[in-house]
Amino acid sequence: MESFIYRDLGVIDYEEALDCQQKAFNELLKEKAQDRKGENCLFFCEHQPVLTIGKSGKDSNLLIPETLLAQRGVSFYHVQRGGDITYHGPGQITGYPVFDLDSWQLGLKQYIERLEEVIIRFLSLYRIKGERLPGATGVWIEPNTPGKARKICAIGVKSSRFVTMHGFALNINTDLNYFSLINPCGFKDKGVTSLEKELGERQDFELAKKQLCELFRELFP
């Protein structure tokens, strides 16, 4: 029996995806409160251009007036996750694990480290060395090289009674120009990148999702 159900939501409106994971989150909490085992779910999707800012984020990290975002076709949401401001859009795998961490005897810090490990192993399939940056959740390339540190995957999680929602945003064929609208994850001195940019050519998005899901099955058995 598999430890979680995988659902590919395809291209979906941010609010619709949020509603989908909120329902799964509430159901998992309800089952847990009654000492029953609920269904862990892993959702993958793509969004139309949207900026989200976590509960500890600073509005000053949005670099243009909020009123101008609509003109650019970009939505904007304050959300109840950790982390600062980030971008979601086409060509990016946005993943929402709605997991009861007790299923794997994990604490929240261990869980985030395991999410990072999934991404690091994924990047190694493409001979890219993904790394952690102390004090900065997510996965980076050349994090300790001044002027070259660049984030390829942002992570921001909400949890209640060790049930999680929200998750990660992995840049595959992402249009990185949108990141110029923000200080990504609150950083002013570090860049962002994508698999496409690192490898110099557009990548097979469906293959990337398949590989990533397989790694989730390995690390969350």
Protein backbone atom coordinates (compact mmCIF):
# COMPACT_ATOMS: atom_id res chain seq x y z
CA MET A 1 0.00 0.00 0.00
CA GLU A 2 1.41 3.39 -0.98
CA SER A 3 1.99 5.97 1.72
CA PHE A 4 0.34 8.83 -0.21
CA ILE A 5 -2.01 9.51 -3.12
CA TYR A 6 -0.52 11.48 -6.01
CA ARG A 7 -2.68 13.88 -8.02
CA ASP A 8 -1.54 15.98 -10.96
CA LEU A 9 -3.83 19.01 -11.01
CA GLY A 10 -2.34 20.33 -14.27
CA VAL A 11 -2.63 24.07 -14.91
CA ILE A 12 -4.93 25.37 -12.21
CA ASP A 13 -5.96 28.69 -10.67
CA TYR A 14 -4.11 29.40 -7.42
CA GLU A 15 -7.29 29.73 -5.34
CA GLU A 16 -8.67 26.48 -6.73
CA ALA A 17 -5.47 24.62 -5.85
CA LEU A 18 -5.47 26.22 -2.39
CA ASP A 19 -9.04 25.03 -1.86
CA CYS A 20 -8.10 21.53 -3.00
CA GLN A 21 -5.23 21.20 -0.55
CA GLN A 22 -7.19 22.91 2.26
CA LYS A 23 -9.91 20.27 1.96
CA ALA A 24 -7.33 17.46 2.07
CA PHE A 25 -5.61 19.17 5.02
CA ASN A 26 -8.87 19.54 6.97
CA GLU A 27 -9.85 15.93 6.27
CA LEU A 28 -6.47 14.65 7.44
CA LEU A 29 -6.71 16.70 10.64
CA LYS A 30 -10.26 15.43 11.24
CA GLU A 31 -9.21 11.79 10.88
CA LYS A 32 -6.17 12.33 13.09
CA ALA A 33 -8.31 13.92 15.83
CA GLN A 34 -10.33 10.68 15.89
CA ASP A 35 -7.20 8.50 15.97
CA ARG A 36 -7.84 7.26 12.46
CA LYS A 37 -5.35 7.12 9.61
CA GLY A 38 -6.29 9.59 6.89
CA GLU A 39 -5.03 9.91 3.33
CA ASN A 40 -1.74 11.67 2.70
CA CYS A 41 -1.90 13.51 -0.63
CA LEU A 42 0.76 14.91 -2.95
CA PHE A 43 -0.51 17.51 -5.44
CA PHE A 44 1.56 18.77 -8.38
CA CYS A 45 0.36 21.68 -10.48
CA GLU A 46 1.24 24.73 -12.55
CA HIS A 47 -0.21 28.16 -11.90
CA GLN A 48 -0.78 31.18 -14.05
CA PRO A 49 1.53 34.03 -12.91
CA VAL A 50 0.95 34.63 -9.20
CA LEU A 51 2.92 36.06 -6.29
CA THR A 52 2.38 34.70 -2.80
CA ILE A 53 3.73 36.07 0.45
CA GLY A 54 4.02 34.05 3.67
CA LYS A 55 2.83 35.12 7.10
CA SER A 56 6.27 36.44 8.10
CA GLY A 57 6.91 38.09 4.73
CA LYS A 58 7.43 41.80 4.19
CA ASP A 59 5.30 43.73 1.69
CA SER A 60 8.40 45.82 0.93
CA ASN A 61 9.78 42.78 -0.93
CA LEU A 62 7.16 43.44 -3.62
CA LEU A 63 9.05 45.90 -5.82
CA ILE A 64 6.19 47.40 -7.82
CA PRO A 65 2.86 48.85 -6.63
CA GLU A 66 0.29 46.13 -6.06
CA THR A 67 -2.11 48.03 -8.34
CA LEU A 68 0.23 47.44 -11.29
CA LEU A 69 0.31 43.66 -10.89
CA ALA A 70 -3.12 43.19 -12.49
CA GLN A 71 -1.95 45.14 -15.54
CA ARG A 72 0.81 42.57 -15.92
CA GLY A 73 -1.58 39.67 -15.46
CA VAL A 74 -0.13 38.71 -12.10
CA SER A 75 -2.29 37.74 -9.09
CA PHE A 76 -1.16 38.39 -5.50
CA TYR A 77 -2.05 36.53 -2.29
CA HIS A 78 -1.11 36.63 1.36
CA VAL A 79 -1.02 33.01 2.56
CA GLN A 80 -0.58 31.14 5.84
CA ARG A 81 2.75 29.46 5.18
CA GLY A 82 6.31 30.07 6.30
CA GLY A 83 8.70 32.04 4.12
CA ASP A 84 8.57 35.39 2.41
CA ILE A 85 7.46 36.34 -1.12
CA THR A 86 7.80 34.05 -4.12
CA TYR A 87 6.52 33.60 -7.66
CA HIS A 88 4.57 30.73 -9.22
CA GLY A 89 3.89 30.39 -12.91
CA PRO A 90 3.96 28.29 -16.07
CA GLY A 91 6.91 25.95 -16.43
CA GLN A 92 7.28 25.58 -12.67
CA ILE A 93 6.38 22.44 -10.73
CA THR A 94 4.47 23.66 -7.70
CA GLY A 95 4.08 20.83 -5.22
CA TYR A 96 1.70 20.63 -2.28
CA PRO A 97 2.32 17.64 0.03
CA VAL A 98 -0.58 17.34 2.47
CA PHE A 99 1.13 14.89 4.78
CA ASP A 100 0.67 13.69 8.34
CA LEU A 101 4.30 13.70 9.42
CA ASP A 102 3.55 11.10 12.11
CA SER A 103 3.26 8.64 9.20
CA TRP A 104 7.05 8.89 8.91
CA GLN A 105 7.90 9.90 12.50
CA LEU A 106 9.17 13.25 11.26
CA GLY A 107 9.35 16.63 12.95
CA LEU A 108 8.81 19.78 10.88
CA LYS A 109 12.53 20.57 10.53
CA GLN A 110 13.26 16.99 9.43
CA TYR A 111 10.38 17.18 6.96
CA ILE A 112 11.71 20.35 5.32
CA GLU A 113 15.17 18.78 5.10
CA ARG A 114 13.61 15.75 3.40
CA LEU A 115 11.79 17.99 0.91
CA GLU A 116 15.14 19.61 0.15
CA GLU A 117 16.68 16.16 -0.27
CA VAL A 118 14.01 15.20 -2.84
CA ILE A 119 14.96 18.26 -4.90
CA ILE A 120 18.70 17.70 -4.47
CA ARG A 121 18.36 14.12 -5.73
CA PHE A 122 16.18 15.31 -8.60
CA LEU A 123 18.81 17.83 -9.70
CA SER A 124 21.52 15.15 -9.51
CA LEU A 125 19.65 13.29 -12.27
CA TYR A 126 20.61 16.26 -14.47
CA ARG A 127 24.17 16.41 -13.08
CA ILE A 128 23.42 19.61 -11.22
CA LYS A 129 24.65 19.97 -7.65
CA GLY A 130 21.81 21.30 -5.52
CA GLU A 131 22.76 22.46 -2.04
CA ARG A 132 21.34 23.88 1.16
CA LEU A 133 22.11 27.36 2.45
CA PRO A 134 22.06 27.58 6.27
CA GLY A 135 19.25 29.82 7.45
CA ALA A 136 17.62 29.91 4.01
CA THR A 137 15.09 27.15 3.32
CA GLY A 138 15.05 25.78 -0.23
CA VAL A 139 17.59 24.43 -2.70
CA TRP A 140 20.39 26.48 -4.16
CA ILE A 141 23.18 26.26 -6.72
CA GLU A 142 26.60 27.57 -5.70
CA PRO A 143 25.13 28.99 -2.47
CA ASN A 144 28.49 29.93 -1.00
CA THR A 145 29.95 31.63 -4.07
CA PRO A 146 29.52 35.42 -3.82
CA GLY A 147 27.64 36.76 -6.82
CA LYS A 148 26.71 33.29 -8.09
CA ALA A 149 24.31 31.94 -5.44
CA ARG A 150 20.98 31.23 -7.10
CA LYS A 151 17.83 29.51 -5.91
CA ILE A 152 16.17 26.87 -8.06
CA CYS A 153 13.54 25.71 -5.56
CA ALA A 154 11.62 27.67 -2.91
CA ILE A 155 10.02 25.91 0.06
CA GLY A 156 7.32 27.26 2.39
CA VAL A 157 5.18 25.09 4.65
CA LYS A 158 2.25 25.39 7.04
CA SER A 159 1.64 22.72 9.67
CA SER A 160 -0.91 21.97 12.37
CA ARG A 161 -0.58 18.96 14.67
CA PHE A 162 2.17 17.78 12.28
CA VAL A 163 -0.16 17.84 9.27
CA THR A 164 1.31 19.93 6.45
CA MET A 165 0.14 21.99 3.50
CA HIS A 166 1.72 24.39 0.98
CA GLY A 167 5.12 23.08 -0.12
CA PHE A 168 7.66 23.84 -2.84
CA ALA A 169 8.13 25.60 -6.18
CA LEU A 170 10.73 24.08 -8.52
CA ASN A 171 11.75 26.08 -11.58
CA ILE A 172 11.90 23.89 -14.68
CA ASN A 173 11.10 26.05 -17.74
CA THR A 174 10.04 29.08 -15.70
CA ASP A 175 10.11 32.61 -17.12
CA LEU A 176 12.55 34.12 -14.62
CA ASN A 177 11.74 37.70 -15.62
CA TYR A 178 8.82 37.67 -13.18
CA PHE A 179 11.26 37.43 -10.28
CA SER A 180 12.37 40.99 -11.05
CA LEU A 181 9.07 42.13 -9.50
CA ILE A 182 10.17 40.91 -6.06
CA ASN A 183 13.06 40.26 -3.72
CA PRO A 184 12.69 36.48 -4.05
CA CYS A 185 12.18 34.93 -0.60
CA GLY A 186 13.29 38.27 0.81
CA PHE A 187 16.83 38.14 -0.63
CA LYS A 188 18.29 41.18 -2.40
CA ASP A 189 21.76 39.76 -3.11
CA LYS A 190 20.99 36.31 -4.53
CA GLY A 191 19.61 35.19 -7.87
CA VAL A 192 17.11 32.66 -9.15
CA THR A 193 17.52 30.05 -11.83
CA SER A 194 15.74 27.18 -13.57
CA LEU A 195 16.60 23.79 -14.98
CA GLU A 196 16.23 25.25 -18.47
CA LYS A 197 18.66 28.08 -17.71
CA GLU A 198 21.24 25.79 -16.12
CA LEU A 199 21.17 23.28 -18.98
CA GLY A 200 20.77 25.77 -21.81
CA GLU A 201 17.67 24.21 -23.34
CA ARG A 202 13.99 23.65 -22.62
CA GLN A 203 13.31 20.54 -20.54
CA ASP A 204 10.69 17.78 -20.73
CA PHE A 205 8.21 19.00 -18.11
CA GLU A 206 6.16 15.79 -17.91
CA LEU A 207 9.32 13.71 -17.44
CA ALA A 208 10.45 16.05 -14.65
CA LYS A 209 7.14 15.57 -12.82
CA LYS A 210 7.43 11.79 -13.17
CA GLN A 211 10.99 11.77 -11.85
CA LEU A 212 10.06 14.01 -8.94
CA CYS A 213 7.08 11.87 -7.97
CA GLU A 214 9.26 8.75 -8.00
CA LEU A 215 11.72 10.44 -5.65
CA PHE A 216 8.87 11.34 -3.29
CA ARG A 217 7.91 7.66 -3.24
CA GLU A 218 11.52 6.74 -2.38
CA LEU A 219 11.91 9.29 0.40
CA PHE A 220 8.37 9.07 1.80
CA PRO A 221 7.80 5.29 1.58
